[in-house]
N, C-alpha and C. Protein backbone atom coordinates (compact mmCIF):
# COMPACT_ATOMS: atom_id res chain seq x y z
N UNK A 1 175.97 -49.22 -42.57
CA UNK A 1 176.93 -48.13 -42.65
C UNK A 1 176.91 -47.48 -44.03
N UNK A 2 176.89 -48.28 -45.09
CA UNK A 2 176.89 -47.71 -46.43
C UNK A 2 175.61 -46.95 -46.72
N UNK A 3 174.50 -47.38 -46.12
CA UNK A 3 173.24 -46.66 -46.29
C UNK A 3 173.34 -45.24 -45.73
N UNK A 4 174.06 -45.09 -44.63
CA UNK A 4 174.25 -43.77 -44.05
C UNK A 4 175.12 -42.90 -44.96
N UNK A 5 176.17 -43.49 -45.51
CA UNK A 5 177.07 -42.74 -46.41
C UNK A 5 176.33 -42.31 -47.66
N UNK A 6 175.57 -43.22 -48.27
CA UNK A 6 174.80 -42.86 -49.46
C UNK A 6 173.76 -41.79 -49.13
N UNK A 7 173.16 -41.89 -47.97
CA UNK A 7 172.21 -40.88 -47.54
C UNK A 7 172.87 -39.53 -47.35
N UNK A 8 174.06 -39.53 -46.77
CA UNK A 8 174.79 -38.27 -46.57
C UNK A 8 175.17 -37.65 -47.90
N UNK A 9 175.60 -38.45 -48.85
CA UNK A 9 175.95 -37.93 -50.18
C UNK A 9 174.73 -37.35 -50.89
N UNK A 10 173.62 -38.06 -50.80
CA UNK A 10 172.39 -37.54 -51.40
C UNK A 10 171.96 -36.25 -50.70
N UNK A 11 172.11 -36.21 -49.39
CA UNK A 11 171.77 -35.01 -48.63
C UNK A 11 172.65 -33.83 -48.99
N UNK A 12 173.92 -34.09 -49.26
CA UNK A 12 174.83 -33.00 -49.66
C UNK A 12 174.36 -32.38 -50.96
N UNK A 13 173.98 -33.21 -51.91
CA UNK A 13 173.49 -32.69 -53.19
C UNK A 13 172.18 -31.94 -52.99
N UNK A 14 171.27 -32.52 -52.23
CA UNK A 14 169.96 -31.90 -51.98
C UNK A 14 170.12 -30.57 -51.23
N UNK A 15 170.99 -30.55 -50.25
CA UNK A 15 171.24 -29.33 -49.50
C UNK A 15 171.89 -28.25 -50.34
N UNK A 16 172.78 -28.63 -51.25
CA UNK A 16 173.41 -27.65 -52.13
C UNK A 16 172.37 -27.03 -53.06
N UNK A 17 171.44 -27.83 -53.54
CA UNK A 17 170.37 -27.29 -54.40
C UNK A 17 169.50 -26.31 -53.62
N UNK A 18 169.18 -26.63 -52.38
CA UNK A 18 168.37 -25.73 -51.56
C UNK A 18 169.14 -24.44 -51.25
N UNK A 19 170.43 -24.57 -50.97
CA UNK A 19 171.24 -23.38 -50.68
C UNK A 19 171.36 -22.48 -51.90
N UNK A 20 171.49 -23.07 -53.08
CA UNK A 20 171.57 -22.24 -54.29
C UNK A 20 170.24 -21.53 -54.54
N UNK A 21 169.14 -22.18 -54.25
CA UNK A 21 167.84 -21.52 -54.36
C UNK A 21 167.74 -20.37 -53.35
N UNK A 22 168.24 -20.59 -52.14
CA UNK A 22 168.28 -19.53 -51.14
C UNK A 22 169.17 -18.37 -51.58
N UNK A 23 170.29 -18.68 -52.21
CA UNK A 23 171.18 -17.62 -52.70
C UNK A 23 170.49 -16.81 -53.80
N UNK A 24 169.73 -17.48 -54.65
CA UNK A 24 168.99 -16.78 -55.70
C UNK A 24 167.97 -15.84 -55.09
N UNK A 25 167.27 -16.31 -54.05
CA UNK A 25 166.30 -15.46 -53.36
C UNK A 25 167.00 -14.26 -52.73
N UNK A 26 168.14 -14.50 -52.10
CA UNK A 26 168.89 -13.41 -51.47
C UNK A 26 169.34 -12.39 -52.50
N UNK A 27 169.81 -12.85 -53.64
CA UNK A 27 170.28 -11.93 -54.69
C UNK A 27 169.14 -11.04 -55.17
N UNK A 28 167.97 -11.63 -55.41
CA UNK A 28 166.82 -10.85 -55.86
C UNK A 28 166.39 -9.83 -54.81
N UNK A 29 166.45 -10.21 -53.54
CA UNK A 29 166.08 -9.28 -52.47
C UNK A 29 167.08 -8.13 -52.36
N UNK A 30 168.36 -8.44 -52.49
CA UNK A 30 169.38 -7.40 -52.43
C UNK A 30 169.27 -6.45 -53.62
N UNK A 31 168.89 -6.98 -54.77
CA UNK A 31 168.72 -6.12 -55.94
C UNK A 31 167.58 -5.12 -55.73
N UNK A 32 166.51 -5.55 -55.08
CA UNK A 32 165.39 -4.64 -54.81
C UNK A 32 165.75 -3.64 -53.73
N UNK A 33 166.39 -4.12 -52.66
CA UNK A 33 166.90 -3.24 -51.62
C UNK A 33 165.86 -2.60 -50.71
N UNK A 34 164.67 -3.14 -50.66
CA UNK A 34 163.64 -2.58 -49.77
C UNK A 34 163.48 -3.46 -48.54
N UNK A 35 162.91 -2.88 -47.52
CA UNK A 35 162.66 -3.63 -46.28
C UNK A 35 161.67 -4.75 -46.52
N UNK A 36 160.64 -4.48 -47.28
CA UNK A 36 159.63 -5.50 -47.55
C UNK A 36 160.24 -6.66 -48.32
N UNK A 37 161.10 -6.35 -49.29
CA UNK A 37 161.76 -7.41 -50.05
C UNK A 37 162.64 -8.28 -49.16
N UNK A 38 163.33 -7.65 -48.23
CA UNK A 38 164.19 -8.42 -47.32
C UNK A 38 163.36 -9.29 -46.38
N UNK A 39 162.25 -8.78 -45.89
CA UNK A 39 161.38 -9.57 -45.02
C UNK A 39 160.79 -10.76 -45.78
N UNK A 40 160.32 -10.52 -46.99
CA UNK A 40 159.76 -11.61 -47.79
C UNK A 40 160.86 -12.60 -48.20
N UNK A 41 162.05 -12.09 -48.44
CA UNK A 41 163.18 -12.98 -48.75
C UNK A 41 163.52 -13.88 -47.60
N UNK A 42 163.52 -13.33 -46.38
CA UNK A 42 163.78 -14.15 -45.20
C UNK A 42 162.72 -15.23 -45.05
N UNK A 43 161.47 -14.86 -45.27
CA UNK A 43 160.39 -15.84 -45.19
C UNK A 43 160.57 -16.91 -46.27
N UNK A 44 160.92 -16.51 -47.46
CA UNK A 44 161.15 -17.47 -48.54
C UNK A 44 162.28 -18.43 -48.23
N UNK A 45 163.37 -17.92 -47.66
CA UNK A 45 164.50 -18.79 -47.33
C UNK A 45 164.14 -19.78 -46.23
N UNK A 46 163.36 -19.33 -45.26
CA UNK A 46 162.91 -20.24 -44.19
C UNK A 46 162.02 -21.34 -44.78
N UNK A 47 161.14 -20.97 -45.70
CA UNK A 47 160.28 -21.97 -46.33
C UNK A 47 161.07 -22.97 -47.16
N UNK A 48 162.11 -22.50 -47.85
CA UNK A 48 162.97 -23.41 -48.61
C UNK A 48 163.68 -24.37 -47.66
N UNK A 49 164.19 -23.86 -46.55
CA UNK A 49 164.87 -24.72 -45.57
C UNK A 49 163.93 -25.78 -45.00
N UNK A 50 162.72 -25.35 -44.64
CA UNK A 50 161.74 -26.29 -44.10
C UNK A 50 161.37 -27.33 -45.15
N UNK A 51 161.19 -26.89 -46.39
CA UNK A 51 160.83 -27.83 -47.45
C UNK A 51 161.95 -28.83 -47.71
N UNK A 52 163.19 -28.36 -47.71
CA UNK A 52 164.32 -29.26 -47.99
C UNK A 52 164.46 -30.33 -46.90
N UNK A 53 164.42 -29.91 -45.66
CA UNK A 53 164.57 -30.88 -44.57
C UNK A 53 163.29 -31.68 -44.34
N UNK A 54 162.15 -31.02 -44.48
CA UNK A 54 160.88 -31.71 -44.27
C UNK A 54 160.60 -32.76 -45.31
N UNK A 55 161.01 -32.51 -46.56
CA UNK A 55 160.77 -33.51 -47.60
C UNK A 55 161.55 -34.80 -47.33
N UNK A 56 162.75 -34.66 -46.80
CA UNK A 56 163.52 -35.87 -46.45
C UNK A 56 162.82 -36.62 -45.33
N UNK A 57 162.37 -35.89 -44.32
CA UNK A 57 161.70 -36.55 -43.21
C UNK A 57 160.40 -37.21 -43.65
N UNK A 58 159.63 -36.53 -44.48
CA UNK A 58 158.35 -37.10 -44.91
C UNK A 58 158.53 -38.29 -45.85
N UNK A 59 159.61 -38.32 -46.59
CA UNK A 59 159.86 -39.43 -47.53
C UNK A 59 160.77 -40.50 -46.93
N UNK A 60 161.01 -40.45 -45.62
CA UNK A 60 161.98 -41.34 -45.00
C UNK A 60 161.68 -42.82 -45.22
N UNK A 61 160.43 -43.21 -45.34
CA UNK A 61 160.09 -44.63 -45.51
C UNK A 61 160.28 -45.11 -46.95
N UNK A 62 160.36 -44.20 -47.89
CA UNK A 62 160.50 -44.62 -49.29
C UNK A 62 161.89 -44.33 -49.86
N UNK A 63 162.79 -43.75 -49.07
CA UNK A 63 164.15 -43.48 -49.55
C UNK A 63 164.96 -44.77 -49.55
N UNK A 64 165.83 -44.96 -50.55
CA UNK A 64 166.63 -46.19 -50.59
C UNK A 64 167.87 -46.16 -49.69
N UNK A 65 167.99 -45.16 -48.86
CA UNK A 65 169.14 -45.02 -47.97
C UNK A 65 168.64 -44.52 -46.62
N UNK A 66 169.54 -44.43 -45.66
CA UNK A 66 169.16 -43.98 -44.32
C UNK A 66 168.84 -42.49 -44.34
N UNK A 67 167.68 -42.14 -43.86
CA UNK A 67 167.27 -40.74 -43.91
C UNK A 67 168.06 -39.89 -42.92
N UNK A 68 168.60 -40.48 -41.87
CA UNK A 68 169.38 -39.71 -40.90
C UNK A 68 170.62 -39.12 -41.57
N UNK A 69 171.26 -39.92 -42.41
CA UNK A 69 172.43 -39.42 -43.14
C UNK A 69 172.06 -38.32 -44.10
N UNK A 70 170.91 -38.46 -44.74
CA UNK A 70 170.45 -37.43 -45.67
C UNK A 70 170.14 -36.13 -44.93
N UNK A 71 169.55 -36.23 -43.74
CA UNK A 71 169.26 -35.02 -42.96
C UNK A 71 170.55 -34.31 -42.55
N UNK A 72 171.51 -35.08 -42.09
CA UNK A 72 172.79 -34.50 -41.67
C UNK A 72 173.50 -33.88 -42.87
N UNK A 73 173.57 -34.61 -43.98
CA UNK A 73 174.22 -34.09 -45.18
C UNK A 73 173.55 -32.84 -45.71
N UNK A 74 172.22 -32.83 -45.68
CA UNK A 74 171.48 -31.67 -46.16
C UNK A 74 171.76 -30.45 -45.29
N UNK A 75 171.71 -30.61 -44.00
CA UNK A 75 171.94 -29.48 -43.08
C UNK A 75 173.36 -28.92 -43.24
N UNK A 76 174.33 -29.80 -43.32
CA UNK A 76 175.72 -29.35 -43.47
C UNK A 76 175.91 -28.65 -44.80
N UNK A 77 175.40 -29.25 -45.86
CA UNK A 77 175.56 -28.67 -47.19
C UNK A 77 174.84 -27.33 -47.32
N UNK A 78 173.63 -27.23 -46.78
CA UNK A 78 172.91 -25.96 -46.84
C UNK A 78 173.70 -24.87 -46.11
N UNK A 79 174.28 -25.20 -44.99
CA UNK A 79 175.04 -24.21 -44.22
C UNK A 79 176.29 -23.76 -44.97
N UNK A 80 177.08 -24.72 -45.42
CA UNK A 80 178.35 -24.36 -46.06
C UNK A 80 178.17 -23.67 -47.39
N UNK A 81 177.27 -24.16 -48.22
CA UNK A 81 177.06 -23.54 -49.53
C UNK A 81 176.46 -22.15 -49.36
N UNK A 82 175.58 -21.95 -48.41
CA UNK A 82 175.00 -20.63 -48.20
C UNK A 82 176.04 -19.65 -47.67
N UNK A 83 176.98 -20.10 -46.86
CA UNK A 83 178.06 -19.23 -46.39
C UNK A 83 178.90 -18.76 -47.57
N UNK A 84 179.25 -19.69 -48.45
CA UNK A 84 180.03 -19.33 -49.64
C UNK A 84 179.25 -18.36 -50.52
N UNK A 85 177.98 -18.62 -50.71
CA UNK A 85 177.15 -17.73 -51.55
C UNK A 85 177.00 -16.36 -50.90
N UNK A 86 176.89 -16.29 -49.59
CA UNK A 86 176.76 -15.01 -48.89
C UNK A 86 178.03 -14.19 -49.06
N UNK A 87 179.20 -14.83 -48.99
CA UNK A 87 180.45 -14.11 -49.22
C UNK A 87 180.52 -13.59 -50.65
N UNK A 88 180.06 -14.39 -51.59
CA UNK A 88 180.07 -13.93 -52.99
C UNK A 88 179.11 -12.77 -53.21
N UNK A 89 177.95 -12.80 -52.56
CA UNK A 89 176.99 -11.71 -52.68
C UNK A 89 177.50 -10.43 -52.02
N UNK A 90 178.32 -10.56 -50.98
CA UNK A 90 178.79 -9.41 -50.23
C UNK A 90 179.96 -8.71 -50.92
N UNK A 91 180.59 -9.34 -51.87
CA UNK A 91 181.73 -8.71 -52.56
C UNK A 91 181.24 -7.52 -53.38
N UNK A 92 181.96 -6.44 -53.33
CA UNK A 92 181.53 -5.26 -54.12
C UNK A 92 181.75 -5.42 -55.61
N UNK A 93 182.60 -6.32 -56.04
CA UNK A 93 182.90 -6.48 -57.47
C UNK A 93 182.13 -7.65 -58.08
N UNK A 94 180.87 -7.82 -57.70
CA UNK A 94 180.08 -8.91 -58.20
C UNK A 94 179.85 -8.67 -59.64
C-alpha cells in the first residue's frame, strides 16, 4: 500500500513538471499566434505527454515504488496543473 502512495506522490511531481513544460509550449505558441505554431505546439504537447507517461512505464522495473501509482498520479497532476495553467494563459491581464 505504501508503495502505491509513494508512487502516486512521485507521479504528482512528475506530472506537474510535464504540465508546466506543456504550459511553456502553449505560451510560446500563443505569443506567435500562427496556425503553424499552434499545430506544432499541439504536437509538442502530445510528445511531452507520451514521454512523461511512457518513461514511467518503461522504467517500471527499476522504480523503487509501484509504477501504477506513479501513472495515476502523473495523469491526474498533468490534467489539473494544465487546467490551471490554461486558465492563467486565457486571462487578458497576464
